[in-house]
Amino acid sequence: MEEQGGGAKIILAVLGVLLLLVITPIILFMGGGDSEEPDPNAPCVIEGTPIGKGNDGESTVKIPEQYREAVEKSADTAGLPVGIIAAQISQESGWNPKAVSPVGARGIAQFMPGTWEEWGNGKDPFDPFAGLGAQGRYMKHLAGQIADLASNEKEKIQFTLAAYNAGAGNVQKYGGIPPFEETRHYVEVIMGNAQMDYSSTCEAPGGFDFGELQADEWAHPMPNSRLTSPFGPRACPLASCAGMPFLLKHEGIDLAGSDPYFYAPTDMKITYASIGNIDKLYGSYGNYIFAQMTEAPYLVFEFHEAQDNSLLVKTGDVVKKGTPLGKPGATGNSSGIHVHFQINNPKTSVFDRPAINNGKTYDPVPILRQQKVNIQ
């Protein structure tokens, strides 16, 4: 009996070991299935598609792993978002530490020899880590020179980028981004790429000075459309803009496409719906709608140039996100069928009459993209 009992113990022991050998890998496998922390500087994903996605399905726009820590340190030194430094490096050299421009800029950060002599700390300009370190110090210096001009974080970033491209003296001279096409384009490109290529949340660098938006995604104001005219400076759209300088800045965006309607991007109250060609702004706006979000941050929207007799809402209506509002048209000051979509400061009056609201507007594109609305 003792021998049989001893054998049973041996069998149980062997079974126990075998059980551990089977269970332990399962436990480890289950534990190993925990996903890694999301990369905050991965590309923005809209409608399931990351920006910069290549044919192989892999994102082609990202911070090379060997430079990630140096980029983060550079951004920390500069006091700027990581995405801004990353977008600059991508734009300047495409992450190539041996890059040389036609005018003689060198290295990953494309410093000219004279500027490198001042900011490179005596190191090799083709050393990418030295270049990234110098970029952080130089951008910190520029940010300090324009700090008194910026009223919020977004302006600080924009003015620093403008100083990088056109010089801090020009930013100070004009009290902001200078009216140079190259500089305005540079700031727009870097800000856009930082948001789309290096922010997994699709957040615009510096955010917005009216506070955080609701977490829910907005509806597209005109699905399947294309951006035909962006926000910002433009050539005079009329024969003459004498006495009408406000026409030299497009206060919204124009969208054109195949969808028969334009829609409410959020829940909102219609604060004014025009009444056709007897309306005093019909000649400029065509058929138009003013509306305000029913929840914070209470942004004010404008929709212009709707088709005659197509408006589906009236003053006082409260509509849900995605509600069709009317048909895009070519009324008012228009060169083709589209809808003009404009976002105004939430402190703008809630309208009960027609009004022109130049200078109280925000670029809708970064806001829409942050809300995961694809604008191309």
Protein backbone atom coordinates (compact mmCIF):
# COMPACT_ATOMS: atom_id res chain seq x y z
CA MET A 1 0.00 0.00 0.00
CA GLU A 2 2.85 2.35 0.83
CA GLU A 3 4.44 1.68 -2.57
CA GLN A 4 1.12 2.26 -4.33
CA GLY A 5 0.61 5.49 -2.32
CA GLY A 6 4.10 6.64 -3.25
CA GLY A 7 3.42 5.94 -6.91
CA ALA A 8 0.22 7.91 -6.78
CA LYS A 9 2.11 10.84 -5.29
CA ILE A 10 4.66 10.66 -8.08
CA ILE A 11 1.92 10.57 -10.69
CA LEU A 12 0.17 13.56 -9.10
CA ALA A 13 3.44 15.47 -8.97
CA VAL A 14 4.12 14.77 -12.65
CA LEU A 15 0.59 15.85 -13.54
CA GLY A 16 1.07 19.03 -11.52
CA VAL A 17 4.27 19.88 -13.38
CA LEU A 18 2.60 19.19 -16.72
CA LEU A 19 -0.33 21.37 -15.70
CA LEU A 20 2.02 24.23 -14.84
CA LEU A 21 3.80 23.81 -18.14
CA VAL A 22 0.47 24.14 -19.96
CA ILE A 23 -1.10 26.93 -17.86
CA THR A 24 1.97 29.17 -17.49
CA PRO A 25 2.35 29.88 -21.23
CA ILE A 26 -1.38 30.58 -21.42
CA ILE A 27 -1.11 33.09 -18.57
CA LEU A 28 1.96 34.66 -20.13
CA PHE A 29 0.24 34.79 -23.50
CA MET A 30 -2.79 36.47 -22.00
CA GLY A 31 -0.60 38.97 -20.19
CA GLY A 32 1.48 39.54 -23.31
CA GLY A 33 -1.66 40.46 -25.19
CA ASP A 34 -1.84 43.82 -23.42
CA SER A 35 -1.54 46.48 -26.11
CA GLU A 36 1.28 48.97 -26.01
CA GLU A 37 0.57 52.55 -25.06
CA PRO A 38 -0.71 54.46 -28.10
CA ASP A 39 1.80 56.70 -29.80
CA PRO A 40 0.59 60.31 -29.31
CA ASN A 41 2.65 61.38 -32.32
CA ALA A 42 1.26 58.81 -34.75
CA PRO A 43 -0.69 60.20 -37.73
CA CYS A 44 -4.23 61.45 -37.32
CA VAL A 45 -6.80 58.82 -38.34
CA ILE A 46 -9.96 60.02 -40.09
CA GLU A 47 -12.65 57.64 -41.25
CA GLY A 48 -10.37 54.73 -40.42
CA THR A 49 -7.51 55.89 -42.63
CA PRO A 50 -4.26 57.28 -41.24
CA ILE A 51 -2.82 60.24 -43.13
CA GLY A 52 0.31 59.24 -45.04
CA LYS A 53 -0.71 55.60 -45.33
CA GLY A 54 1.40 53.86 -47.96
CA ASN A 55 0.50 51.09 -50.38
CA ASP A 56 1.77 48.52 -47.91
CA GLY A 57 -0.74 49.69 -45.32
CA GLU A 58 1.94 51.13 -43.06
CA SER A 59 1.94 54.79 -42.09
CA THR A 60 4.73 56.58 -43.94
CA VAL A 61 4.70 59.68 -41.74
CA LYS A 62 6.16 59.18 -38.29
CA ILE A 63 9.10 60.18 -36.13
CA PRO A 64 11.95 57.73 -36.82
CA GLU A 65 12.44 55.72 -33.65
CA GLN A 66 16.14 56.58 -33.35
CA TYR A 67 15.27 60.30 -33.20
CA ARG A 68 12.15 60.17 -31.03
CA GLU A 69 13.82 61.00 -27.71
CA ALA A 70 15.90 63.78 -29.30
CA VAL A 71 12.82 65.31 -30.95
CA GLU A 72 10.92 65.24 -27.65
CA LYS A 73 13.87 66.89 -25.90
CA SER A 74 14.13 69.51 -28.66
CA ALA A 75 10.42 70.33 -28.35
CA ASP A 76 10.71 70.55 -24.56
CA THR A 77 13.62 72.99 -24.90
CA ALA A 78 11.71 75.11 -27.41
CA GLY A 79 8.48 75.06 -25.40
CA LEU A 80 6.61 73.86 -28.49
CA PRO A 81 4.53 70.75 -29.29
CA VAL A 82 6.50 67.70 -30.40
CA GLY A 83 4.47 67.67 -33.61
CA ILE A 84 5.71 71.13 -34.59
CA ILE A 85 9.39 70.17 -34.33
CA ALA A 86 8.69 66.87 -36.12
CA ALA A 87 6.77 68.61 -38.92
CA GLN A 88 9.59 71.13 -39.34
CA ILE A 89 12.27 68.44 -39.60
CA SER A 90 10.14 66.44 -42.03
CA GLN A 91 9.59 69.54 -44.16
CA GLU A 92 13.21 70.72 -44.03
CA SER A 93 15.14 67.50 -44.61
CA GLY A 94 12.75 64.55 -44.72
CA TRP A 95 14.68 63.20 -41.69
CA ASN A 96 17.88 62.97 -43.76
CA PRO A 97 20.86 63.90 -41.54
CA LYS A 98 23.13 64.32 -44.58
CA ALA A 99 20.79 66.65 -46.49
CA VAL A 100 22.30 69.73 -48.18
CA SER A 101 20.04 72.32 -49.82
CA PRO A 102 20.84 74.23 -53.04
CA VAL A 103 21.55 77.33 -50.94
CA GLY A 104 23.88 75.49 -48.54
CA ALA A 105 21.66 74.58 -45.57
CA ARG A 106 22.99 71.43 -43.95
CA GLY A 107 21.90 68.51 -41.82
CA ILE A 108 18.66 67.18 -40.45
CA ALA A 109 17.52 70.65 -39.30
CA GLN A 110 18.91 72.49 -42.37
CA PHE A 111 20.91 75.19 -40.62
CA MET A 112 22.79 77.69 -42.76
CA PRO A 113 26.51 77.84 -41.85
CA GLY A 114 26.26 81.24 -40.12
CA THR A 115 23.26 80.22 -38.02
CA TRP A 116 24.86 76.89 -37.17
CA GLU A 117 27.97 78.67 -35.95
CA GLU A 118 25.80 80.52 -33.42
CA TRP A 119 23.53 77.65 -32.34
CA GLY A 120 25.42 74.44 -33.10
CA ASN A 121 27.67 74.52 -30.00
CA GLY A 122 30.70 73.71 -32.16
CA LYS A 123 29.37 70.30 -33.21
CA ASP A 124 29.13 68.66 -36.62
CA PRO A 125 26.08 70.03 -38.51
CA PHE A 126 25.58 66.56 -40.01
CA ASP A 127 25.20 65.01 -36.55
CA PRO A 128 21.40 64.60 -36.36
CA PHE A 129 21.31 64.74 -32.56
CA ALA A 130 23.34 67.93 -32.54
CA GLY A 131 20.99 69.31 -35.19
CA LEU A 132 17.87 68.48 -33.20
CA GLY A 133 19.39 70.01 -30.08
CA ALA A 134 20.24 73.19 -31.97
CA GLN A 135 16.72 73.33 -33.41
CA GLY A 136 15.23 73.35 -29.91
CA ARG A 137 17.56 76.13 -28.71
CA TYR A 138 16.98 78.25 -31.82
CA MET A 139 13.19 77.91 -31.71
CA LYS A 140 13.21 78.81 -28.00
CA HIS A 141 15.15 81.96 -28.89
CA LEU A 142 12.65 82.91 -31.60
CA ALA A 143 9.68 82.18 -29.35
CA GLY A 144 11.13 84.55 -26.76
CA GLN A 145 11.44 87.33 -29.33
CA ILE A 146 7.78 87.23 -30.33
CA ALA A 147 6.23 86.24 -26.99
CA ASP A 148 4.77 89.68 -26.28
CA LEU A 149 2.81 89.63 -29.55
CA ALA A 150 0.95 86.34 -28.99
CA SER A 151 -2.36 86.36 -27.13
CA ASN A 152 -2.67 82.57 -26.92
CA GLU A 153 -0.69 79.36 -27.40
CA LYS A 154 -1.72 78.90 -31.02
CA GLU A 155 -0.48 82.39 -31.96
CA LYS A 156 2.78 81.77 -30.13
CA ILE A 157 3.40 78.71 -32.28
CA GLN A 158 2.36 80.44 -35.51
CA PHE A 159 4.46 83.55 -34.83
CA THR A 160 7.50 81.45 -33.89
CA LEU A 161 7.22 79.56 -37.17
CA ALA A 162 6.86 82.86 -39.03
CA ALA A 163 9.97 84.18 -37.27
CA TYR A 164 11.84 81.05 -38.32
CA ASN A 165 10.89 81.63 -41.95
CA ALA A 166 10.93 85.43 -42.25
CA GLY A 167 12.87 86.61 -39.20
CA ALA A 168 11.64 87.81 -35.83
CA GLY A 169 12.07 91.43 -36.95
CA ASN A 170 9.40 91.02 -39.64
CA VAL A 171 6.99 89.38 -37.20
CA GLN A 172 7.48 92.30 -34.82
CA LYS A 173 7.13 94.82 -37.65
CA TYR A 174 3.76 93.44 -38.77
CA GLY A 175 2.52 92.44 -35.32
CA GLY A 176 2.09 88.81 -36.36
CA ILE A 177 2.56 86.66 -39.44
CA PRO A 178 4.04 88.91 -42.15
CA PRO A 179 2.07 89.30 -45.40
CA PHE A 180 4.61 87.26 -47.36
CA GLU A 181 3.14 84.42 -49.39
CA GLU A 182 6.10 82.13 -48.65
CA THR A 183 5.86 82.74 -44.89
CA ARG A 184 2.10 82.31 -44.72
CA HIS A 185 2.40 79.09 -46.72
CA TYR A 186 5.20 77.81 -44.46
CA VAL A 187 3.19 78.43 -41.29
CA GLU A 188 0.07 76.82 -42.80
CA VAL A 189 1.99 73.74 -43.99
CA ILE A 190 3.78 73.13 -40.68
CA MET A 191 0.64 73.68 -38.60
CA GLY A 192 -1.35 71.38 -40.88
CA ASN A 193 1.28 68.65 -41.00
CA ALA A 194 1.78 68.77 -37.23
CA GLN A 195 -1.95 68.15 -36.79
CA MET A 196 -2.41 65.53 -39.48
CA ASP A 197 0.93 63.70 -39.51
CA TYR A 198 2.08 63.89 -35.88
CA SER A 199 -1.05 63.94 -33.71
CA SER A 200 -2.92 60.69 -33.22
CA THR A 201 -5.80 62.69 -31.69
CA CYS A 202 -5.94 65.05 -34.70
CA GLU A 203 -5.57 67.99 -32.33
CA ALA A 204 -4.50 71.31 -33.81
CA PRO A 205 -1.22 72.65 -32.34
CA GLY A 206 -2.00 75.13 -29.61
CA GLY A 207 -5.69 74.26 -29.62
CA PHE A 208 -8.32 77.00 -29.87
CA ASP A 209 -8.76 80.02 -27.65
CA PHE A 210 -12.44 79.29 -27.02
CA GLY A 211 -11.62 76.16 -25.02
CA GLU A 212 -12.12 72.46 -25.62
CA LEU A 213 -14.72 71.19 -28.04
CA GLN A 214 -17.21 68.50 -27.21
CA ALA A 215 -15.77 64.99 -27.40
CA ASP A 216 -18.40 63.80 -29.88
CA GLU A 217 -17.43 63.90 -33.52
CA TRP A 218 -19.13 66.42 -35.75
CA ALA A 219 -21.00 65.63 -38.93
CA HIS A 220 -19.50 66.64 -42.25
CA PRO A 221 -21.08 69.93 -43.42
CA MET A 222 -21.02 68.61 -46.99
CA PRO A 223 -20.01 64.95 -47.48
CA ASN A 224 -18.15 63.89 -50.62
CA SER A 225 -17.06 67.48 -51.19
CA ARG A 226 -13.72 69.04 -51.99
CA LEU A 227 -12.22 72.22 -50.58
CA THR A 228 -12.34 74.75 -53.42
CA SER A 229 -11.32 77.89 -51.53
CA PRO A 230 -9.50 77.87 -48.17
CA PHE A 231 -9.66 80.26 -45.24
CA GLY A 232 -7.31 83.23 -45.23
CA PRO A 233 -5.77 85.85 -47.54
CA ARG A 234 -6.81 85.79 -51.18
CA ALA A 235 -6.80 87.90 -54.31
CA CYS A 236 -9.68 90.32 -54.72
CA PRO A 237 -12.70 88.27 -55.87
CA LEU A 238 -14.29 91.32 -57.53
CA ALA A 239 -13.23 93.80 -60.21
CA SER A 240 -12.12 96.12 -57.40
CA CYS A 241 -11.84 95.81 -53.62
CA ALA A 242 -11.38 99.55 -53.04
CA GLY A 243 -13.10 100.45 -49.78
CA MET A 244 -13.76 96.75 -49.07
CA PRO A 245 -10.51 95.39 -47.59
CA PHE A 246 -12.44 92.63 -45.81
CA LEU A 247 -12.83 90.92 -49.19
CA LEU A 248 -9.08 90.27 -49.24
CA LYS A 249 -9.48 87.65 -46.52
CA HIS A 250 -11.74 84.65 -47.01
CA GLU A 251 -13.49 84.30 -43.67
CA GLY A 252 -14.59 80.70 -44.20
CA ILE A 253 -14.08 77.81 -46.59
CA ASP A 254 -15.91 76.86 -49.79
CA LEU A 255 -16.98 73.26 -50.35
CA ALA A 256 -18.21 71.83 -53.64
CA GLY A 257 -19.19 68.28 -54.53
CA SER A 258 -21.82 65.81 -55.57
CA ASP A 259 -23.96 65.73 -52.42
CA PRO A 260 -27.29 67.49 -53.04
CA TYR A 261 -27.42 69.06 -49.55
CA PHE A 262 -25.27 70.73 -46.91
CA TYR A 263 -25.78 69.75 -43.26
CA ALA A 264 -25.63 70.87 -39.65
CA PRO A 265 -22.22 69.86 -38.24
CA THR A 266 -23.55 69.87 -34.65
CA ASP A 267 -26.79 70.32 -32.77
CA MET A 268 -27.59 74.00 -33.27
CA LYS A 269 -30.21 76.73 -33.22
CA ILE A 270 -30.99 78.63 -36.42
CA THR A 271 -30.61 82.25 -35.38
CA TYR A 272 -31.28 83.70 -38.84
CA ALA A 273 -32.38 82.21 -42.15
CA SER A 274 -32.40 84.64 -45.07
CA ILE A 275 -35.53 85.39 -47.05
CA GLY A 276 -34.21 85.36 -50.61
CA ASN A 277 -33.29 88.23 -52.87
CA ILE A 278 -35.12 90.90 -50.87
CA ASP A 279 -32.64 90.28 -48.00
CA LYS A 280 -30.10 93.11 -47.80
CA LEU A 281 -27.13 90.69 -47.89
CA TYR A 282 -28.46 88.59 -50.75
CA GLY A 283 -26.11 90.27 -53.23
CA SER A 284 -23.08 89.14 -51.19
CA TYR A 285 -24.21 86.01 -49.34
CA GLY A 286 -27.01 84.73 -51.56
CA ASN A 287 -29.35 82.57 -49.48
CA TYR A 288 -27.70 82.09 -46.11
CA ILE A 289 -28.10 80.74 -42.59
CA PHE A 290 -26.69 81.87 -39.23
CA ALA A 291 -26.74 79.31 -36.39
CA GLN A 292 -25.19 78.68 -32.98
CA MET A 293 -24.23 75.46 -31.22
CA THR A 294 -26.70 74.54 -28.50
CA GLU A 295 -23.87 73.37 -26.20
CA ALA A 296 -20.41 74.62 -25.26
CA PRO A 297 -18.35 76.14 -26.77
CA TYR A 298 -21.36 77.76 -28.54
CA LEU A 299 -19.58 78.45 -31.81
CA VAL A 300 -21.52 80.48 -34.37
CA PHE A 301 -21.85 79.05 -37.90
CA GLU A 302 -22.63 80.70 -41.22
CA PHE A 303 -23.63 79.00 -44.49
CA HIS A 304 -23.76 81.14 -47.67
CA GLU A 305 -24.68 80.90 -51.38
CA ALA A 306 -27.45 78.31 -51.05
CA GLN A 307 -29.64 77.59 -54.05
CA ASP A 308 -32.79 79.72 -54.37
CA ASN A 309 -35.84 78.28 -52.58
CA SER A 310 -33.74 75.42 -51.14
CA LEU A 311 -33.44 76.33 -47.45
CA LEU A 312 -35.08 73.64 -45.31
CA VAL A 313 -34.96 75.53 -41.99
CA LYS A 314 -36.27 78.82 -40.67
CA THR A 315 -35.25 81.29 -37.97
CA GLY A 316 -35.79 79.79 -34.50
CA ASP A 317 -35.54 76.13 -35.49
CA VAL A 318 -33.37 73.83 -33.35
CA VAL A 319 -31.84 71.05 -35.44
CA LYS A 320 -29.78 67.95 -34.74
CA LYS A 321 -26.31 67.14 -36.02
CA GLY A 322 -26.51 65.89 -39.60
CA THR A 323 -29.79 67.64 -40.43
CA PRO A 324 -29.95 68.80 -44.08
CA LEU A 325 -30.15 72.60 -44.20
CA GLY A 326 -30.40 73.39 -47.90
CA LYS A 327 -28.82 72.86 -51.29
CA PRO A 328 -25.46 74.31 -52.37
CA GLY A 329 -25.88 77.00 -54.99
CA ALA A 330 -24.29 79.90 -56.83
CA THR A 331 -26.28 82.81 -55.40
CA GLY A 332 -24.73 86.01 -54.07
CA ASN A 333 -21.06 86.70 -54.77
CA SER A 334 -20.32 83.26 -56.19
CA SER A 335 -18.38 81.88 -59.13
CA GLY A 336 -19.82 78.36 -59.01
CA ILE A 337 -22.07 75.94 -57.14
CA HIS A 338 -20.79 75.44 -53.59
CA VAL A 339 -21.54 76.24 -49.96
CA HIS A 340 -19.49 78.74 -47.95
CA PHE A 341 -19.02 77.42 -44.39
CA GLN A 342 -17.84 79.83 -41.71
CA ILE A 343 -17.11 79.46 -37.97
CA ASN A 344 -17.33 82.58 -35.81
CA ASN A 345 -16.14 83.38 -32.32
CA PRO A 346 -18.62 82.09 -29.71
CA LYS A 347 -18.79 85.62 -28.27
CA THR A 348 -20.21 86.86 -31.57
CA SER A 349 -23.78 88.08 -31.20
CA VAL A 350 -26.57 85.57 -31.64
CA PHE A 351 -28.10 87.08 -34.74
CA ASP A 352 -31.66 88.13 -35.20
CA ARG A 353 -30.82 90.18 -38.29
CA PRO A 354 -28.30 90.06 -41.17
CA ALA A 355 -24.74 91.00 -40.26
CA ILE A 356 -21.19 90.84 -41.63
CA ASN A 357 -18.76 89.33 -39.14
CA ASN A 358 -15.30 89.76 -40.62
CA GLY A 359 -12.44 89.42 -38.17
CA LYS A 360 -14.42 87.26 -35.74
CA THR A 361 -13.76 83.99 -37.52
CA TYR A 362 -11.69 80.82 -37.16
CA ASP A 363 -10.24 78.61 -39.86
CA PRO A 364 -12.77 75.75 -40.01
CA VAL A 365 -10.33 73.15 -41.37
CA PRO A 366 -8.26 72.45 -38.20
CA ILE A 367 -11.45 72.41 -36.13
CA LEU A 368 -13.21 69.99 -38.46
CA ARG A 369 -10.17 67.72 -38.61
CA GLN A 370 -9.93 67.66 -34.82
CA GLN A 371 -13.54 66.51 -34.88
CA LYS A 372 -12.48 63.72 -37.31
CA VAL A 373 -14.25 65.30 -40.29
CA ASN A 374 -12.24 64.69 -43.45
CA ILE A 375 -11.64 67.89 -45.41
CA GLN A 376 -9.52 67.53 -48.55
